[in-house]
Amino acid sequence: MPDFIQLSRGVEQINCQTDLQWYEWQRYSSRQKQKMNFGGVIDTIKLTGELDVFLDILQSGQWLHVGNKTTFGMGRYQII
């Protein structure tokens, strides 16, 4: 279980640079017999600073893809 007090203190030491864009696409739902619109942010987030306390959570999320519409490819990220 993460130590949320330690995480909340650590987040103040993180610098975040973003280059995000909104992306929209459509897919056809065979079940609903109609086109469905999806949207979300794509591109790059750069985190710098003391990331040690966050590494386990970030690495787990890289494989779990948690969030809305993950079955359609959203919620995915890659740590480089």
PDB file of N, CA and C in Angstrom:
ATOM      1  N   MET A   1       0.846  -1.178   0.000  1.00  0.00           N
ATOM      2  CA  MET A   1       0.000   0.000   0.000  1.00  0.00           C
ATOM      3  C   MET A   1       0.894   1.244   0.000  1.00  0.00           C
ATOM      4  N   PRO A   2       0.670   2.154  -0.920  1.00  0.00           N
ATOM      5  CA  PRO A   2       1.502   3.372  -0.977  1.00  0.00           C
ATOM      6  C   PRO A   2       1.315   4.236   0.276  1.00  0.00           C
ATOM      7  N   ASP A   3       2.367   4.908   0.662  1.00  0.00           N
ATOM      8  CA  ASP A   3       2.316   5.865   1.760  1.00  0.00           C
ATOM      9  C   ASP A   3       1.895   7.207   1.165  1.00  0.00           C
ATOM     10  N   PHE A   4       0.608   7.513   1.267  1.00  0.00           N
ATOM     11  CA  PHE A   4       0.068   8.694   0.601  1.00  0.00           C
ATOM     12  C   PHE A   4       0.592   9.999   1.196  1.00  0.00           C
ATOM     13  N   ILE A   5       0.938  10.004   2.457  1.00  0.00           N
ATOM     14  CA  ILE A   5       1.516  11.207   3.065  1.00  0.00           C
ATOM     15  C   ILE A   5       2.875  11.485   2.449  1.00  0.00           C
ATOM     16  N   GLN A   6       3.690  10.443   2.307  1.00  0.00           N
ATOM     17  CA  GLN A   6       5.011  10.601   1.689  1.00  0.00           C
ATOM     18  C   GLN A   6       4.857  11.017   0.220  1.00  0.00           C
ATOM     19  N   LEU A   7       3.896  10.439  -0.475  1.00  0.00           N
ATOM     20  CA  LEU A   7       3.674  10.806  -1.879  1.00  0.00           C
ATOM     21  C   LEU A   7       3.242  12.260  -2.018  1.00  0.00           C
ATOM     22  N   SER A   8       2.342  12.715  -1.140  1.00  0.00           N
ATOM     23  CA  SER A   8       1.879  14.101  -1.239  1.00  0.00           C
ATOM     24  C   SER A   8       2.996  15.093  -0.953  1.00  0.00           C
ATOM     25  N   ARG A   9       3.922  14.730  -0.086  1.00  0.00           N
ATOM     26  CA  ARG A   9       5.086  15.605   0.163  1.00  0.00           C
ATOM     27  C   ARG A   9       6.055  15.563  -1.020  1.00  0.00           C
ATOM     28  N   GLY A  10       6.226  14.379  -1.590  1.00  0.00           N
ATOM     29  CA  GLY A  10       7.166  14.222  -2.695  1.00  0.00           C
ATOM     30  C   GLY A  10       6.719  14.906  -3.977  1.00  0.00           C
ATOM     31  N   VAL A  11       5.428  15.002  -4.180  1.00  0.00           N
ATOM     32  CA  VAL A  11       4.934  15.583  -5.430  1.00  0.00           C
ATOM     33  C   VAL A  11       5.302  17.071  -5.558  1.00  0.00           C
ATOM     34  N   GLU A  12       5.500  17.713  -4.433  1.00  0.00           N
ATOM     35  CA  GLU A  12       5.892  19.124  -4.452  1.00  0.00           C
ATOM     36  C   GLU A  12       7.293  19.323  -5.025  1.00  0.00           C
ATOM     37  N   GLN A  13       8.096  18.262  -5.055  1.00  0.00           N
ATOM     38  CA  GLN A  13       9.465  18.336  -5.544  1.00  0.00           C
ATOM     39  C   GLN A  13       9.594  17.949  -7.020  1.00  0.00           C
ATOM     40  N   ILE A  14       8.484  17.664  -7.682  1.00  0.00           N
ATOM     41  CA  ILE A  14       8.502  17.194  -9.065  1.00  0.00           C
ATOM     42  C   ILE A  14       8.223  18.350 -10.019  1.00  0.00           C
ATOM     43  N   ASN A  15       9.030  18.430 -11.063  1.00  0.00           N
ATOM     44  CA  ASN A  15       8.810  19.406 -12.125  1.00  0.00           C
ATOM     45  C   ASN A  15       8.158  18.669 -13.302  1.00  0.00           C
ATOM     46  N   CYS A  16       7.117  19.244 -13.842  1.00  0.00           N
ATOM     47  CA  CYS A  16       6.368  18.609 -14.928  1.00  0.00           C
ATOM     48  C   CYS A  16       6.315  19.541 -16.140  1.00  0.00           C
ATOM     49  N   GLN A  17       6.822  19.044 -17.268  1.00  0.00           N
ATOM     50  CA  GLN A  17       6.741  19.779 -18.530  1.00  0.00           C
ATOM     51  C   GLN A  17       5.851  18.969 -19.472  1.00  0.00           C
ATOM     52  N   THR A  18       4.904  19.642 -20.105  1.00  0.00           N
ATOM     53  CA  THR A  18       3.970  18.924 -20.973  1.00  0.00           C
ATOM     54  C   THR A  18       3.972  19.500 -22.382  1.00  0.00           C
ATOM     55  N   ASP A  19       3.670  18.636 -23.304  1.00  0.00           N
ATOM     56  CA  ASP A  19       3.450  19.016 -24.694  1.00  0.00           C
ATOM     57  C   ASP A  19       2.274  18.150 -25.175  1.00  0.00           C
ATOM     58  N   LEU A  20       1.074  18.474 -24.686  1.00  0.00           N
ATOM     59  CA  LEU A  20      -0.095  17.637 -24.928  1.00  0.00           C
ATOM     60  C   LEU A  20      -0.978  18.220 -26.019  1.00  0.00           C
ATOM     61  N   GLN A  21      -1.627  17.320 -26.734  1.00  0.00           N
ATOM     62  CA  GLN A  21      -2.570  17.707 -27.775  1.00  0.00           C
ATOM     63  C   GLN A  21      -3.830  16.875 -27.613  1.00  0.00           C
ATOM     64  N   TRP A  22      -4.980  17.468 -27.915  1.00  0.00           N
ATOM     65  CA  TRP A  22      -6.239  16.738 -27.892  1.00  0.00           C
ATOM     66  C   TRP A  22      -6.370  15.973 -29.203  1.00  0.00           C
ATOM     67  N   TYR A  23      -6.740  14.714 -29.107  1.00  0.00           N
ATOM     68  CA  TYR A  23      -6.870  13.858 -30.282  1.00  0.00           C
ATOM     69  C   TYR A  23      -8.254  13.217 -30.273  1.00  0.00           C
ATOM     70  N   GLU A  24      -8.963  13.264 -31.386  1.00  0.00           N
ATOM     71  CA  GLU A  24     -10.284  12.655 -31.502  1.00  0.00           C
ATOM     72  C   GLU A  24     -10.295  11.643 -32.625  1.00  0.00           C
ATOM     73  N   TRP A  25     -11.048  10.560 -32.438  1.00  0.00           N
ATOM     74  CA  TRP A  25     -11.203   9.561 -33.476  1.00  0.00           C
ATOM     75  C   TRP A  25     -12.570   8.900 -33.329  1.00  0.00           C
ATOM     76  N   GLN A  26     -12.942   8.157 -34.355  1.00  0.00           N
ATOM     77  CA  GLN A  26     -14.216   7.449 -34.354  1.00  0.00           C
ATOM     78  C   GLN A  26     -13.985   5.963 -34.531  1.00  0.00           C
ATOM     79  N   ARG A  27     -14.914   5.186 -34.011  1.00  0.00           N
ATOM     80  CA  ARG A  27     -14.944   3.761 -34.279  1.00  0.00           C
ATOM     81  C   ARG A  27     -16.393   3.355 -34.407  1.00  0.00           C
ATOM     82  N   TYR A  28     -16.615   2.261 -35.075  1.00  0.00           N
ATOM     83  CA  TYR A  28     -17.969   1.763 -35.247  1.00  0.00           C
ATOM     84  C   TYR A  28     -18.241   0.690 -34.212  1.00  0.00           C
ATOM     85  N   SER A  29     -19.360   0.795 -33.513  1.00  0.00           N
ATOM     86  CA  SER A  29     -19.761  -0.189 -32.522  1.00  0.00           C
ATOM     87  C   SER A  29     -20.762  -1.151 -33.156  1.00  0.00           C
ATOM     88  N   SER A  30     -20.359  -2.395 -33.287  1.00  0.00           N
ATOM     89  CA  SER A  30     -21.278  -3.404 -33.830  1.00  0.00           C
ATOM     90  C   SER A  30     -22.450  -3.632 -32.889  1.00  0.00           C
ATOM     91  N   ARG A  31     -22.184  -3.573 -31.599  1.00  0.00           N
ATOM     92  CA  ARG A  31     -23.254  -3.790 -30.616  1.00  0.00           C
ATOM     93  C   ARG A  31     -24.288  -2.676 -30.662  1.00  0.00           C
ATOM     94  N   GLN A  32     -23.820  -1.421 -30.741  1.00  0.00           N
ATOM     95  CA  GLN A  32     -24.744  -0.284 -30.749  1.00  0.00           C
ATOM     96  C   GLN A  32     -25.160   0.127 -32.156  1.00  0.00           C
ATOM     97  N   LYS A  33     -24.515  -0.459 -33.164  1.00  0.00           N
ATOM     98  CA  LYS A  33     -24.845  -0.179 -34.579  1.00  0.00           C
ATOM     99  C   LYS A  33     -24.749   1.307 -34.905  1.00  0.00           C
ATOM    100  N   GLN A  34     -23.680   1.931 -34.415  1.00  0.00           N
ATOM    101  CA  GLN A  34     -23.455   3.347 -34.709  1.00  0.00           C
ATOM    102  C   GLN A  34     -21.994   3.710 -34.506  1.00  0.00           C
ATOM    103  N   LYS A  35     -21.600   4.848 -35.085  1.00  0.00           N
ATOM    104  CA  LYS A  35     -20.256   5.359 -34.871  1.00  0.00           C
ATOM    105  C   LYS A  35     -20.174   5.979 -33.485  1.00  0.00           C
ATOM    106  N   MET A  36     -19.014   5.817 -32.861  1.00  0.00           N
ATOM    107  CA  MET A  36     -18.784   6.394 -31.542  1.00  0.00           C
ATOM    108  C   MET A  36     -17.573   7.304 -31.605  1.00  0.00           C
ATOM    109  N   ASN A  37     -17.669   8.461 -30.977  1.00  0.00           N
ATOM    110  CA  ASN A  37     -16.569   9.418 -30.933  1.00  0.00           C
ATOM    111  C   ASN A  37     -15.787   9.237 -29.644  1.00  0.00           C
ATOM    112  N   PHE A  38     -14.466   9.268 -29.778  1.00  0.00           N
ATOM    113  CA  PHE A  38     -13.569   9.193 -28.633  1.00  0.00           C
ATOM    114  C   PHE A  38     -12.605  10.364 -28.688  1.00  0.00           C
ATOM    115  N   GLY A  39     -12.120  10.779 -27.537  1.00  0.00           N
ATOM    116  CA  GLY A  39     -11.134  11.844 -27.484  1.00  0.00           C
ATOM    117  C   GLY A  39     -10.267  11.712 -26.257  1.00  0.00           C
ATOM    118  N   GLY A  40      -9.060  12.244 -26.352  1.00  0.00           N
ATOM    119  CA  GLY A  40      -8.143  12.213 -25.221  1.00  0.00           C
ATOM    120  C   GLY A  40      -6.868  12.949 -25.569  1.00  0.00           C
ATOM    121  N   VAL A  41      -5.999  13.075 -24.593  1.00  0.00           N
ATOM    122  CA  VAL A  41      -4.727  13.764 -24.807  1.00  0.00           C
ATOM    123  C   VAL A  41      -3.660  12.761 -25.211  1.00  0.00           C
ATOM    124  N   ILE A  42      -2.782  13.203 -26.092  1.00  0.00           N
ATOM    125  CA  ILE A  42      -1.633  12.405 -26.513  1.00  0.00           C
ATOM    126  C   ILE A  42      -0.408  13.301 -26.505  1.00  0.00           C
ATOM    127  N   ASP A  43       0.737  12.712 -26.518  1.00  0.00           N
ATOM    128  CA  ASP A  43       2.037  13.352 -26.675  1.00  0.00           C
ATOM    129  C   ASP A  43       2.920  13.082 -25.484  1.00  0.00           C
ATOM    130  N   THR A  44       3.605  14.099 -24.944  1.00  0.00           N
ATOM    131  CA  THR A  44       4.708  13.875 -24.021  1.00  0.00           C
ATOM    132  C   THR A  44       4.524  14.638 -22.713  1.00  0.00           C
ATOM    133  N   ILE A  45       4.854  13.948 -21.617  1.00  0.00           N
ATOM    134  CA  ILE A  45       4.965  14.577 -20.305  1.00  0.00           C
ATOM    135  C   ILE A  45       6.359  14.227 -19.786  1.00  0.00           C
ATOM    136  N   LYS A  46       7.095  15.232 -19.387  1.00  0.00           N
ATOM    137  CA  LYS A  46       8.444  15.008 -18.858  1.00  0.00           C
ATOM    138  C   LYS A  46       8.452  15.367 -17.377  1.00  0.00           C
ATOM    139  N   LEU A  47       8.757  14.362 -16.543  1.00  0.00           N
ATOM    140  CA  LEU A  47       8.841  14.564 -15.105  1.00  0.00           C
ATOM    141  C   LEU A  47      10.301  14.543 -14.676  1.00  0.00           C
ATOM    142  N   THR A  48      10.708  15.523 -13.884  1.00  0.00           N
ATOM    143  CA  THR A  48      12.062  15.561 -13.352  1.00  0.00           C
ATOM    144  C   THR A  48      11.988  15.856 -11.860  1.00  0.00           C
ATOM    145  N   GLY A  49      13.009  15.421 -11.159  1.00  0.00           N
ATOM    146  CA  GLY A  49      13.057  15.637  -9.718  1.00  0.00           C
ATOM    147  C   GLY A  49      13.214  14.315  -9.000  1.00  0.00           C
ATOM    148  N   GLU A  50      12.832  14.294  -7.736  1.00  0.00           N
ATOM    149  CA  GLU A  50      12.944  13.100  -6.903  1.00  0.00           C
ATOM    150  C   GLU A  50      11.755  12.169  -7.175  1.00  0.00           C
ATOM    151  N   LEU A  51      11.922  11.279  -8.134  1.00  0.00           N
ATOM    152  CA  LEU A  51      10.839  10.397  -8.557  1.00  0.00           C
ATOM    153  C   LEU A  51      10.863   9.029  -7.877  1.00  0.00           C
ATOM    154  N   ASP A  52      11.835   8.774  -7.015  1.00  0.00           N
ATOM    155  CA  ASP A  52      12.003   7.444  -6.416  1.00  0.00           C
ATOM    156  C   ASP A  52      10.729   6.908  -5.778  1.00  0.00           C
ATOM    157  N   VAL A  53      10.017   7.742  -5.003  1.00  0.00           N
ATOM    158  CA  VAL A  53       8.823   7.252  -4.306  1.00  0.00           C
ATOM    159  C   VAL A  53       7.667   6.973  -5.264  1.00  0.00           C
ATOM    160  N   PHE A  54       7.747   7.477  -6.494  1.00  0.00           N
ATOM    161  CA  PHE A  54       6.675   7.298  -7.466  1.00  0.00           C
ATOM    162  C   PHE A  54       6.957   6.190  -8.481  1.00  0.00           C
ATOM    163  N   LEU A  55       8.183   5.690  -8.519  1.00  0.00           N
ATOM    164  CA  LEU A  55       8.566   4.757  -9.577  1.00  0.00           C
ATOM    165  C   LEU A  55       7.721   3.490  -9.608  1.00  0.00           C
ATOM    166  N   ASP A  56       7.428   2.904  -8.454  1.00  0.00           N
ATOM    167  CA  ASP A  56       6.607   1.685  -8.436  1.00  0.00           C
ATOM    168  C   ASP A  56       5.229   1.934  -9.035  1.00  0.00           C
ATOM    169  N   ILE A  57       4.626   3.048  -8.670  1.00  0.00           N
ATOM    170  CA  ILE A  57       3.283   3.372  -9.178  1.00  0.00           C
ATOM    171  C   ILE A  57       3.337   3.654 -10.676  1.00  0.00           C
ATOM    172  N   LEU A  58       4.320   4.449 -11.111  1.00  0.00           N
ATOM    173  CA  LEU A  58       4.437   4.773 -12.537  1.00  0.00           C
ATOM    174  C   LEU A  58       4.715   3.527 -13.372  1.00  0.00           C
ATOM    175  N   GLN A  59       5.585   2.648 -12.883  1.00  0.00           N
ATOM    176  CA  GLN A  59       5.900   1.427 -13.627  1.00  0.00           C
ATOM    177  C   GLN A  59       4.702   0.483 -13.678  1.00  0.00           C
ATOM    178  N   SER A  60       3.935   0.385 -12.612  1.00  0.00           N
ATOM    179  CA  SER A  60       2.737  -0.455 -12.615  1.00  0.00           C
ATOM    180  C   SER A  60       1.702   0.076 -13.604  1.00  0.00           C
ATOM    181  N   GLY A  61       1.493   1.372 -13.598  1.00  0.00           N
ATOM    182  CA  GLY A  61       0.522   1.978 -14.503  1.00  0.00           C
ATOM    183  C   GLY A  61       0.883   1.800 -15.963  1.00  0.00           C
ATOM    184  N   GLN A  62       2.153   1.700 -16.246  1.00  0.00           N
ATOM    185  CA  GLN A  62       2.622   1.480 -17.618  1.00  0.00           C
ATOM    186  C   GLN A  62       2.084   0.160 -18.170  1.00  0.00           C
ATOM    187  N   TRP A  63       1.887  -0.829 -17.298  1.00  0.00           N
ATOM    188  CA  TRP A  63       1.408  -2.153 -17.730  1.00  0.00           C
ATOM    189  C   TRP A  63      -0.083  -2.339 -17.496  1.00  0.00           C
ATOM    190  N   LEU A  64      -0.674  -1.615 -16.546  1.00  0.00           N
ATOM    191  CA  LEU A  64      -2.082  -1.811 -16.217  1.00  0.00           C
ATOM    192  C   LEU A  64      -3.036  -1.019 -17.106  1.00  0.00           C
ATOM    193  N   HIS A  65      -2.589   0.113 -17.617  1.00  0.00           N
ATOM    194  CA  HIS A  65      -3.421   0.972 -18.471  1.00  0.00           C
ATOM    195  C   HIS A  65      -4.763   1.294 -17.803  1.00  0.00           C
ATOM    196  N   VAL A  66      -4.715   1.822 -16.615  1.00  0.00           N
ATOM    197  CA  VAL A  66      -5.931   2.090 -15.871  1.00  0.00           C
ATOM    198  C   VAL A  66      -6.557   3.391 -16.344  1.00  0.00           C
ATOM    199  N   GLY A  67      -7.870   3.426 -16.428  1.00  0.00           N
ATOM    200  CA  GLY A  67      -8.565   4.648 -16.788  1.00  0.00           C
ATOM    201  C   GLY A  67      -9.734   4.380 -17.707  1.00  0.00           C
ATOM    202  N   ASN A  68     -10.357   5.454 -18.092  1.00  0.00           N
ATOM    203  CA  ASN A  68     -11.536   5.375 -18.949  1.00  0.00           C
ATOM    204  C   ASN A  68     -11.169   4.943 -20.371  1.00  0.00           C
ATOM    205  N   LYS A  69     -11.908   4.027 -20.927  1.00  0.00           N
ATOM    206  CA  LYS A  69     -11.758   3.559 -22.319  1.00  0.00           C
ATOM    207  C   LYS A  69     -10.423   2.856 -22.577  1.00  0.00           C
ATOM    208  N   THR A  70      -9.859   2.192 -21.582  1.00  0.00           N
ATOM    209  CA  THR A  70      -8.587   1.503 -21.783  1.00  0.00           C
ATOM    210  C   THR A  70      -8.709   0.353 -22.772  1.00  0.00           C
ATOM    211  N   THR A  71      -9.883  -0.246 -22.880  1.00  0.00           N
ATOM    212  CA  THR A  71     -10.059  -1.344 -23.839  1.00  0.00           C
ATOM    213  C   THR A  71      -9.970  -0.856 -25.279  1.00  0.00           C
ATOM    214  N   PHE A  72     -10.072   0.451 -25.473  1.00  0.00           N
ATOM    215  CA  PHE A  72      -9.963   1.033 -26.813  1.00  0.00           C
ATOM    216  C   PHE A  72      -8.596   1.679 -27.035  1.00  0.00           C
ATOM    217  N   GLY A  73      -7.640   1.411 -26.161  1.00  0.00           N
ATOM    218  CA  GLY A  73      -6.291   1.920 -26.349  1.00  0.00           C
ATOM    219  C   GLY A  73      -5.954   3.174 -25.586  1.00  0.00           C
ATOM    220  N   MET A  74      -6.904   3.709 -24.837  1.00  0.00           N
ATOM    221  CA  MET A  74      -6.603   4.901 -24.048  1.00  0.00           C
ATOM    222  C   MET A  74      -6.026   4.487 -22.700  1.00  0.00           C
ATOM    223  N   GLY A  75      -5.323   5.386 -22.051  1.00  0.00           N
ATOM    224  CA  GLY A  75      -4.756   5.107 -20.744  1.00  0.00           C
ATOM    225  C   GLY A  75      -3.368   4.498 -20.813  1.00  0.00           C
ATOM    226  N   ARG A  76      -2.841   4.338 -22.002  1.00  0.00           N
ATOM    227  CA  ARG A  76      -1.522   3.717 -22.163  1.00  0.00           C
ATOM    228  C   ARG A  76      -0.450   4.796 -22.111  1.00  0.00           C
ATOM    229  N   TYR A  77       0.655   4.462 -21.448  1.00  0.00           N
ATOM    230  CA  TYR A  77       1.827   5.331 -21.489  1.00  0.00           C
ATOM    231  C   TYR A  77       3.078   4.484 -21.403  1.00  0.00           C
ATOM    232  N   GLN A  78       4.182   5.092 -21.767  1.00  0.00           N
ATOM    233  CA  GLN A  78       5.449   4.376 -21.807  1.00  0.00           C
ATOM    234  C   GLN A  78       6.501   5.220 -21.096  1.00  0.00           C
ATOM    235  N   ILE A  79       7.254   4.592 -20.214  1.00  0.00           N
ATOM    236  CA  ILE A  79       8.340   5.276 -19.514  1.00  0.00           C
ATOM    237  C   ILE A  79       9.621   5.072 -20.334  1.00  0.00           C
ATOM    238  N   ILE A  80      10.245   6.185 -20.672  1.00  0.00           N
ATOM    239  CA  ILE A  80      11.487   6.105 -21.463  1.00  0.00           C
ATOM    240  C   ILE A  80      12.625   6.620 -20.605  1.00  0.00           C
TER     241      ILE A  80
END
